[in-house]
Amino acid sequence: MSEARISFSVQGASFEIFGPTFVTAHASTKYFCHPWDSEFARWSRVFNFPEMEYMIDVGSCIGIFPILFSLANPKMNIIALEPASINYPYLVRNTRHLPNVKCLKLAASSKAGFGQLALPTLQQKTFAQSLEPTENTGIISLYGESDIYQEQVNVTTLDKLTDRADFIKIDAEGHDLEVLKGARGLLENERPILMVEFIKQNLQMAGNTPQDFDKFFEKVEYKLIGGWRHDYFVAPQEKRHDILRRDR
């Protein structure tokens, strides 16, 4: 594999991003280029990012979201979790100029311990492989079954990691519900807004259904408020009205 570099601009700010492969770098940045950048600006306003103090990025990959959240609020304290050794050095490299970003080589789940990362097989995820087997490193998963790339990683829960959160973004390649279960204390005490990835094949890898998420969110009194890309925004019931009012 050869290192990739991509330049792009968001809201008048220019960035240069490095990644392990072009596919990973492109997949990480494409949604922040026109016309998607206007959508990010919209959600920044609706969720009032400039007033938030604490953000957690689960599955940070090469660090695009910490960069974009820092653009919205340079004073926001951001914890970026990325367990894969193939991605983590680029997360550190791409955010090295941001003193508000703390990078941790960890996976998140419902229990602390160890986990096995691997690429999904073609049976698990139809776009999991390209001509270069490890081309798309952004889809490495705790549910992956391929023997092309495997790695044992440290696992924590968000409740053990921190007691502060205003916003949590979760992109755990199918493990998202387990991440939420390990953050139940944060959700009940801090009431952060959530951004959770929903991809059908990821749910199938994990053996989950949308109804499983509905049941969990009902227990913690969270409601769906919108979506962007392949992600859903979910917020505490008591914040839902104010958020939707700002979106008018």
C-alpha atoms as a PDB file:
ATOM      1  CA  MET A   1       0.000   0.000   0.000  1.00  0.00           C
ATOM      2  CA  SER A   2       1.119   3.550  -0.659  1.00  0.00           C
ATOM      3  CA  GLU A   3       0.318   6.577   1.455  1.00  0.00           C
ATOM      4  CA  ALA A   4      -2.367   8.920   0.153  1.00  0.00           C
ATOM      5  CA  ARG A   5      -2.762  12.672   0.485  1.00  0.00           C
ATOM      6  CA  ILE A   6      -5.916  14.666  -0.243  1.00  0.00           C
ATOM      7  CA  SER A   7      -6.487  18.424  -0.100  1.00  0.00           C
ATOM      8  CA  PHE A   8      -9.949  19.895   0.409  1.00  0.00           C
ATOM      9  CA  SER A   9     -11.699  23.012   1.705  1.00  0.00           C
ATOM     10  CA  VAL A  10     -14.608  23.498   4.093  1.00  0.00           C
ATOM     11  CA  GLN A  11     -16.152  26.857   4.974  1.00  0.00           C
ATOM     12  CA  GLY A  12     -13.170  28.678   3.513  1.00  0.00           C
ATOM     13  CA  ALA A  13     -10.603  26.638   5.450  1.00  0.00           C
ATOM     14  CA  SER A  14      -8.126  24.439   3.560  1.00  0.00           C
ATOM     15  CA  PHE A  15      -6.927  21.058   4.797  1.00  0.00           C
ATOM     16  CA  GLU A  16      -4.387  18.463   3.772  1.00  0.00           C
ATOM     17  CA  ILE A  17      -5.240  14.947   4.928  1.00  0.00           C
ATOM     18  CA  PHE A  18      -3.008  11.872   4.910  1.00  0.00           C
ATOM     19  CA  GLY A  19      -4.254   8.289   4.933  1.00  0.00           C
ATOM     20  CA  PRO A  20      -2.984   4.736   4.480  1.00  0.00           C
ATOM     21  CA  THR A  21      -4.776   4.399   1.114  1.00  0.00           C
ATOM     22  CA  PHE A  22      -6.580   6.668  -1.343  1.00  0.00           C
ATOM     23  CA  VAL A  23      -9.889   4.874  -0.703  1.00  0.00           C
ATOM     24  CA  THR A  24      -9.668   5.546   3.041  1.00  0.00           C
ATOM     25  CA  ALA A  25      -8.686   9.195   2.571  1.00  0.00           C
ATOM     26  CA  HIS A  26     -11.351   9.822  -0.077  1.00  0.00           C
ATOM     27  CA  ALA A  27     -14.085   8.067   1.909  1.00  0.00           C
ATOM     28  CA  SER A  28     -13.217  10.198   4.929  1.00  0.00           C
ATOM     29  CA  THR A  29     -13.231  13.547   3.147  1.00  0.00           C
ATOM     30  CA  LYS A  30     -15.778  13.332   0.333  1.00  0.00           C
ATOM     31  CA  TYR A  31     -18.787  14.279   2.448  1.00  0.00           C
ATOM     32  CA  PHE A  32     -17.220  17.553   3.508  1.00  0.00           C
ATOM     33  CA  CYS A  33     -16.738  18.869  -0.004  1.00  0.00           C
ATOM     34  CA  HIS A  34     -19.428  20.728  -1.950  1.00  0.00           C
ATOM     35  CA  PRO A  35     -22.394  20.250  -1.694  1.00  0.00           C
ATOM     36  CA  TRP A  36     -22.119  18.273   1.534  1.00  0.00           C
ATOM     37  CA  ASP A  37     -20.177  21.004   3.338  1.00  0.00           C
ATOM     38  CA  SER A  38     -23.330  23.146   3.542  1.00  0.00           C
ATOM     39  CA  GLU A  39     -25.072  20.294   5.343  1.00  0.00           C
ATOM     40  CA  PHE A  40     -22.284  20.134   7.921  1.00  0.00           C
ATOM     41  CA  ALA A  41     -22.589  23.893   8.431  1.00  0.00           C
ATOM     42  CA  ARG A  42     -26.331  23.476   8.921  1.00  0.00           C
ATOM     43  CA  TRP A  43     -25.964  20.798  11.591  1.00  0.00           C
ATOM     44  CA  SER A  44     -23.234  22.837  13.279  1.00  0.00           C
ATOM     45  CA  ARG A  45     -25.797  25.609  13.698  1.00  0.00           C
ATOM     46  CA  VAL A  46     -28.719  23.373  14.666  1.00  0.00           C
ATOM     47  CA  PHE A  47     -26.749  21.540  17.358  1.00  0.00           C
ATOM     48  CA  ASN A  48     -24.978  24.699  18.477  1.00  0.00           C
ATOM     49  CA  PHE A  49     -21.479  23.209  18.193  1.00  0.00           C
ATOM     50  CA  PRO A  50     -19.789  26.518  19.183  1.00  0.00           C
ATOM     51  CA  GLU A  51     -21.279  26.184  22.678  1.00  0.00           C
ATOM     52  CA  MET A  52     -20.326  22.543  23.226  1.00  0.00           C
ATOM     53  CA  GLU A  53     -17.385  21.662  25.456  1.00  0.00           C
ATOM     54  CA  TYR A  54     -16.921  17.889  25.144  1.00  0.00           C
ATOM     55  CA  MET A  55     -17.105  15.615  22.108  1.00  0.00           C
ATOM     56  CA  ILE A  56     -16.260  11.909  21.727  1.00  0.00           C
ATOM     57  CA  ASP A  57     -15.474  10.419  18.326  1.00  0.00           C
ATOM     58  CA  VAL A  58     -15.739   6.620  18.354  1.00  0.00           C
ATOM     59  CA  GLY A  59     -14.159   5.135  15.241  1.00  0.00           C
ATOM     60  CA  SER A  60     -12.212   8.232  14.299  1.00  0.00           C
ATOM     61  CA  CYS A  61     -10.288   6.498  11.483  1.00  0.00           C
ATOM     62  CA  ILE A  62      -7.851   9.132  10.148  1.00  0.00           C
ATOM     63  CA  GLY A  63      -9.363  12.061  12.057  1.00  0.00           C
ATOM     64  CA  ILE A  64     -11.723  13.964   9.781  1.00  0.00           C
ATOM     65  CA  PHE A  65     -14.432  14.567  12.380  1.00  0.00           C
ATOM     66  CA  PRO A  66     -12.086  15.930  15.078  1.00  0.00           C
ATOM     67  CA  ILE A  67     -10.789  18.372  12.469  1.00  0.00           C
ATOM     68  CA  LEU A  68     -14.270  19.476  11.432  1.00  0.00           C
ATOM     69  CA  PHE A  69     -15.523  19.794  15.006  1.00  0.00           C
ATOM     70  CA  SER A  70     -12.440  21.830  15.861  1.00  0.00           C
ATOM     71  CA  LEU A  71     -13.285  24.102  12.941  1.00  0.00           C
ATOM     72  CA  ALA A  72     -16.748  24.631  14.436  1.00  0.00           C
ATOM     73  CA  ASN A  73     -15.335  25.147  17.941  1.00  0.00           C
ATOM     74  CA  PRO A  74     -11.542  25.328  18.512  1.00  0.00           C
ATOM     75  CA  LYS A  75     -12.099  25.188  22.289  1.00  0.00           C
ATOM     76  CA  MET A  76     -14.076  21.934  22.226  1.00  0.00           C
ATOM     77  CA  ASN A  77     -12.356  19.088  24.104  1.00  0.00           C
ATOM     78  CA  ILE A  78     -12.344  16.125  21.736  1.00  0.00           C
ATOM     79  CA  ILE A  79     -11.509  12.504  22.534  1.00  0.00           C
ATOM     80  CA  ALA A  80     -10.819  10.543  19.332  1.00  0.00           C
ATOM     81  CA  LEU A  81     -10.827   6.733  19.542  1.00  0.00           C
ATOM     82  CA  GLU A  82      -9.357   4.602  16.756  1.00  0.00           C
ATOM     83  CA  PRO A  83      -8.271   1.015  17.446  1.00  0.00           C
ATOM     84  CA  ALA A  84      -6.726  -0.030  14.113  1.00  0.00           C
ATOM     85  CA  SER A  85      -2.933   0.242  13.889  1.00  0.00           C
ATOM     86  CA  ILE A  86      -3.185   0.879  10.160  1.00  0.00           C
ATOM     87  CA  ASN A  87      -5.276   4.052  10.743  1.00  0.00           C
ATOM     88  CA  TYR A  88      -4.176   5.363  14.144  1.00  0.00           C
ATOM     89  CA  PRO A  89      -0.858   6.969  13.074  1.00  0.00           C
ATOM     90  CA  TYR A  90      -2.772   9.035  10.517  1.00  0.00           C
ATOM     91  CA  LEU A  91      -5.293  10.144  13.130  1.00  0.00           C
ATOM     92  CA  VAL A  92      -2.402  11.432  15.217  1.00  0.00           C
ATOM     93  CA  ARG A  93      -0.679  12.997  12.213  1.00  0.00           C
ATOM     94  CA  ASN A  94      -3.766  14.730  10.848  1.00  0.00           C
ATOM     95  CA  THR A  95      -4.731  16.228  14.232  1.00  0.00           C
ATOM     96  CA  ARG A  96      -1.232  17.042  15.522  1.00  0.00           C
ATOM     97  CA  HIS A  97      -1.848  20.775  15.086  1.00  0.00           C
ATOM     98  CA  LEU A  98      -4.998  20.639  17.253  1.00  0.00           C
ATOM     99  CA  PRO A  99      -4.179  20.842  20.988  1.00  0.00           C
ATOM    100  CA  ASN A 100      -7.841  20.230  21.874  1.00  0.00           C
ATOM    101  CA  VAL A 101      -7.819  16.697  20.365  1.00  0.00           C
ATOM    102  CA  LYS A 102      -6.765  13.714  22.484  1.00  0.00           C
ATOM    103  CA  CYS A 103      -6.122  10.574  20.407  1.00  0.00           C
ATOM    104  CA  LEU A 104      -6.490   7.132  21.999  1.00  0.00           C
ATOM    105  CA  LYS A 105      -5.761   3.781  20.371  1.00  0.00           C
ATOM    106  CA  LEU A 106      -8.848   2.049  21.731  1.00  0.00           C
ATOM    107  CA  ALA A 107     -12.073   0.403  20.653  1.00  0.00           C
ATOM    108  CA  ALA A 108     -15.307   1.055  22.570  1.00  0.00           C
ATOM    109  CA  SER A 109     -17.895  -1.527  23.559  1.00  0.00           C
ATOM    110  CA  SER A 110     -20.293  -2.551  26.338  1.00  0.00           C
ATOM    111  CA  LYS A 111     -17.465  -4.154  28.331  1.00  0.00           C
ATOM    112  CA  ALA A 112     -13.770  -3.351  28.751  1.00  0.00           C
ATOM    113  CA  GLY A 113     -11.132  -5.904  27.774  1.00  0.00           C
ATOM    114  CA  PHE A 114      -9.750  -7.034  24.426  1.00  0.00           C
ATOM    115  CA  GLY A 115     -11.225  -7.508  20.977  1.00  0.00           C
ATOM    116  CA  GLN A 116     -10.257  -8.865  17.568  1.00  0.00           C
ATOM    117  CA  LEU A 117     -10.393  -6.490  14.614  1.00  0.00           C
ATOM    118  CA  ALA A 118     -10.566  -7.798  11.057  1.00  0.00           C
ATOM    119  CA  LEU A 119     -11.744  -6.838   7.607  1.00  0.00           C
ATOM    120  CA  PRO A 120     -15.210  -8.129   6.715  1.00  0.00           C
ATOM    121  CA  THR A 121     -15.428 -10.880   4.132  1.00  0.00           C
ATOM    122  CA  LEU A 122     -17.265 -10.383   0.848  1.00  0.00           C
ATOM    123  CA  GLN A 123     -20.129 -12.400   2.308  1.00  0.00           C
ATOM    124  CA  GLN A 124     -20.366  -9.973   5.219  1.00  0.00           C
ATOM    125  CA  LYS A 125     -20.000  -6.776   3.225  1.00  0.00           C
ATOM    126  CA  THR A 126     -20.210  -6.735  -0.547  1.00  0.00           C
ATOM    127  CA  PHE A 127     -17.914  -3.722  -0.923  1.00  0.00           C
ATOM    128  CA  ALA A 128     -15.389  -5.010   1.622  1.00  0.00           C
ATOM    129  CA  GLN A 129     -12.714  -5.936  -0.882  1.00  0.00           C
ATOM    130  CA  SER A 130     -11.102  -4.224  -3.836  1.00  0.00           C
ATOM    131  CA  LEU A 131      -8.242  -5.308  -6.063  1.00  0.00           C
ATOM    132  CA  GLU A 132      -5.992  -4.503  -3.108  1.00  0.00           C
ATOM    133  CA  PRO A 133      -7.427  -6.552  -0.178  1.00  0.00           C
ATOM    134  CA  THR A 134      -6.583  -3.987   2.521  1.00  0.00           C
ATOM    135  CA  GLU A 135      -7.505  -0.969   0.414  1.00  0.00           C
ATOM    136  CA  ASN A 136     -10.488   0.233   2.467  1.00  0.00           C
ATOM    137  CA  THR A 137      -9.161   0.328   6.013  1.00  0.00           C
ATOM    138  CA  GLY A 138     -12.145   2.350   7.193  1.00  0.00           C
ATOM    139  CA  ILE A 139     -14.368  -0.743   7.362  1.00  0.00           C
ATOM    140  CA  ILE A 140     -12.240  -2.831   9.753  1.00  0.00           C
ATOM    141  CA  SER A 141     -14.649  -4.251  12.331  1.00  0.00           C
ATOM    142  CA  LEU A 142     -14.842  -6.228  15.557  1.00  0.00           C
ATOM    143  CA  TYR A 143     -17.201  -8.460  13.567  1.00  0.00           C
ATOM    144  CA  GLY A 144     -14.872  -8.922  10.585  1.00  0.00           C
ATOM    145  CA  GLU A 145     -14.107 -12.532   9.652  1.00  0.00           C
ATOM    146  CA  SER A 146     -11.476 -12.132   6.946  1.00  0.00           C
ATOM    147  CA  ASP A 147      -7.975 -13.474   7.575  1.00  0.00           C
ATOM    148  CA  ILE A 148      -6.420 -10.788   5.347  1.00  0.00           C
ATOM    149  CA  TYR A 149      -6.127  -8.273   8.178  1.00  0.00           C
ATOM    150  CA  GLN A 150      -6.506  -9.128  11.866  1.00  0.00           C
ATOM    151  CA  GLU A 151      -5.414  -7.369  15.029  1.00  0.00           C
ATOM    152  CA  GLN A 152      -6.073  -7.709  18.762  1.00  0.00           C
ATOM    153  CA  VAL A 153      -6.954  -4.362  20.348  1.00  0.00           C
ATOM    154  CA  ASN A 154      -7.723  -2.874  23.743  1.00  0.00           C
ATOM    155  CA  VAL A 155     -11.382  -2.183  24.425  1.00  0.00           C
ATOM    156  CA  THR A 156     -12.966   0.265  26.870  1.00  0.00           C
ATOM    157  CA  THR A 157     -16.430   1.595  27.647  1.00  0.00           C
ATOM    158  CA  LEU A 158     -17.239   5.257  27.298  1.00  0.00           C
ATOM    159  CA  ASP A 159     -18.520   5.256  30.872  1.00  0.00           C
ATOM    160  CA  LYS A 160     -15.057   4.205  32.074  1.00  0.00           C
ATOM    161  CA  LEU A 161     -13.333   6.656  29.759  1.00  0.00           C
ATOM    162  CA  THR A 162     -14.993   9.926  30.753  1.00  0.00           C
ATOM    163  CA  ASP A 163     -17.862  11.477  32.670  1.00  0.00           C
ATOM    164  CA  ARG A 164     -18.384  14.409  30.273  1.00  0.00           C
ATOM    165  CA  ALA A 165     -19.980  14.513  26.830  1.00  0.00           C
ATOM    166  CA  ASP A 166     -22.063  17.010  24.853  1.00  0.00           C
ATOM    167  CA  PHE A 167     -21.871  15.136  21.557  1.00  0.00           C
ATOM    168  CA  ILE A 168     -20.917  11.540  20.699  1.00  0.00           C
ATOM    169  CA  LYS A 169     -20.272  10.363  17.149  1.00  0.00           C
ATOM    170  CA  ILE A 170     -20.240   6.564  16.745  1.00  0.00           C
ATOM    171  CA  ASP A 171     -18.943   4.826  13.629  1.00  0.00           C
ATOM    172  CA  ALA A 172     -18.044   1.358  14.910  1.00  0.00           C
ATOM    173  CA  GLU A 173     -18.716  -0.750  11.803  1.00  0.00           C
ATOM    174  CA  GLY A 174     -21.611  -2.697  13.279  1.00  0.00           C
ATOM    175  CA  HIS A 175     -20.587  -2.502  16.930  1.00  0.00           C
ATOM    176  CA  ASP A 176     -22.515   0.717  17.501  1.00  0.00           C
ATOM    177  CA  LEU A 177     -25.217  -0.691  19.790  1.00  0.00           C
ATOM    178  CA  GLU A 178     -22.571  -2.200  22.086  1.00  0.00           C
ATOM    179  CA  VAL A 179     -20.832   1.183  22.216  1.00  0.00           C
ATOM    180  CA  LEU A 180     -24.122   2.781  23.273  1.00  0.00           C
ATOM    181  CA  LYS A 181     -24.671   0.159  25.977  1.00  0.00           C
ATOM    182  CA  GLY A 182     -21.231   0.969  27.375  1.00  0.00           C
ATOM    183  CA  ALA A 183     -22.148   4.662  27.454  1.00  0.00           C
ATOM    184  CA  ARG A 184     -25.484   4.360  29.238  1.00  0.00           C
ATOM    185  CA  GLY A 185     -24.259   6.282  32.283  1.00  0.00           C
ATOM    186  CA  LEU A 186     -23.098   9.149  30.061  1.00  0.00           C
ATOM    187  CA  LEU A 187     -26.403   9.189  28.208  1.00  0.00           C
ATOM    188  CA  GLU A 188     -28.451   9.251  31.408  1.00  0.00           C
ATOM    189  CA  ASN A 189     -26.308  11.808  33.247  1.00  0.00           C
ATOM    190  CA  GLU A 190     -24.889  14.098  30.544  1.00  0.00           C
ATOM    191  CA  ARG A 191     -27.622  13.787  27.870  1.00  0.00           C
ATOM    192  CA  PRO A 192     -25.340  14.259  24.836  1.00  0.00           C
ATOM    193  CA  ILE A 193     -26.586  14.443  21.255  1.00  0.00           C
ATOM    194  CA  LEU A 194     -25.673  11.318  19.279  1.00  0.00           C
ATOM    195  CA  MET A 195     -24.570  10.721  15.706  1.00  0.00           C
ATOM    196  CA  VAL A 196     -24.779   6.986  14.973  1.00  0.00           C
ATOM    197  CA  GLU A 197     -23.933   5.200  11.723  1.00  0.00           C
ATOM    198  CA  PHE A 198     -26.667   2.953  10.253  1.00  0.00           C
ATOM    199  CA  ILE A 199     -25.616   0.716   7.387  1.00  0.00           C
ATOM    200  CA  LYS A 200     -27.711  -2.373   6.654  1.00  0.00           C
ATOM    201  CA  GLN A 201     -24.769  -4.715   6.133  1.00  0.00           C
ATOM    202  CA  ASN A 202     -23.168  -3.537   9.384  1.00  0.00           C
ATOM    203  CA  LEU A 203     -26.358  -4.357  11.270  1.00  0.00           C
ATOM    204  CA  GLN A 204     -26.407  -7.777   9.659  1.00  0.00           C
ATOM    205  CA  MET A 205     -22.779  -8.426  10.646  1.00  0.00           C
ATOM    206  CA  ALA A 206     -23.679  -7.665  14.252  1.00  0.00           C
ATOM    207  CA  GLY A 207     -26.972  -9.557  14.199  1.00  0.00           C
ATOM    208  CA  ASN A 208     -28.866  -6.367  15.086  1.00  0.00           C
ATOM    209  CA  THR A 209     -32.018  -4.752  13.736  1.00  0.00           C
ATOM    210  CA  PRO A 210     -33.248  -1.139  13.794  1.00  0.00           C
ATOM    211  CA  GLN A 211     -35.770  -2.275  16.394  1.00  0.00           C
ATOM    212  CA  ASP A 212     -32.916  -3.170  18.756  1.00  0.00           C
ATOM    213  CA  PHE A 213     -31.769   0.445  18.611  1.00  0.00           C
ATOM    214  CA  ASP A 214     -35.341   1.693  19.057  1.00  0.00           C
ATOM    215  CA  LYS A 215     -35.690  -0.322  22.259  1.00  0.00           C
ATOM    216  CA  PHE A 216     -32.414   0.990  23.642  1.00  0.00           C
ATOM    217  CA  PHE A 217     -33.241   4.607  22.827  1.00  0.00           C
ATOM    218  CA  GLU A 218     -36.679   4.221  24.396  1.00  0.00           C
ATOM    219  CA  LYS A 219     -35.062   3.043  27.637  1.00  0.00           C
ATOM    220  CA  VAL A 220     -32.780   6.090  27.830  1.00  0.00           C
ATOM    221  CA  GLU A 221     -35.488   8.467  26.527  1.00  0.00           C
ATOM    222  CA  TYR A 222     -33.823   9.482  23.259  1.00  0.00           C
ATOM    223  CA  LYS A 223     -35.564  10.348  19.982  1.00  0.00           C
ATOM    224  CA  LEU A 224     -34.500  10.403  16.336  1.00  0.00           C
ATOM    225  CA  ILE A 225     -34.281  13.967  15.048  1.00  0.00           C
ATOM    226  CA  GLY A 226     -32.687  13.685  11.614  1.00  0.00           C
ATOM    227  CA  GLY A 227     -30.079  12.160   9.389  1.00  0.00           C
ATOM    228  CA  TRP A 228     -27.068  13.003   7.270  1.00  0.00           C
ATOM    229  CA  ARG A 229     -25.108  10.731   4.919  1.00  0.00           C
ATOM    230  CA  HIS A 230     -25.651   7.231   6.377  1.00  0.00           C
ATOM    231  CA  ASP A 231     -25.823   8.537   9.943  1.00  0.00           C
ATOM    232  CA  TYR A 232     -28.746   9.265  12.249  1.00  0.00           C
ATOM    233  CA  PHE A 233     -28.908  12.051  14.809  1.00  0.00           C
ATOM    234  CA  VAL A 234     -30.562  11.058  18.079  1.00  0.00           C
ATOM    235  CA  ALA A 235     -31.189  13.441  20.971  1.00  0.00           C
ATOM    236  CA  PRO A 236     -32.630  13.393  24.492  1.00  0.00           C
ATOM    237  CA  GLN A 237     -36.380  13.853  24.427  1.00  0.00           C
ATOM    238  CA  GLU A 238     -36.111  17.028  26.496  1.00  0.00           C
ATOM    239  CA  LYS A 239     -33.760  18.663  23.940  1.00  0.00           C
ATOM    240  CA  ARG A 240     -35.636  17.605  20.834  1.00  0.00           C
ATOM    241  CA  HIS A 241     -37.996  20.585  20.638  1.00  0.00           C
ATOM    242  CA  ASP A 242     -35.267  23.232  20.896  1.00  0.00           C
ATOM    243  CA  ILE A 243     -33.098  21.456  18.326  1.00  0.00           C
ATOM    244  CA  LEU A 244     -35.903  21.150  15.796  1.00  0.00           C
ATOM    245  CA  ARG A 245     -36.885  24.797  16.395  1.00  0.00           C
ATOM    246  CA  ARG A 246     -33.352  25.897  15.432  1.00  0.00           C
ATOM    247  CA  ASP A 247     -33.683  23.855  12.226  1.00  0.00           C
ATOM    248  CA  ARG A 248     -36.579  25.911  10.890  1.00  0.00           C
END
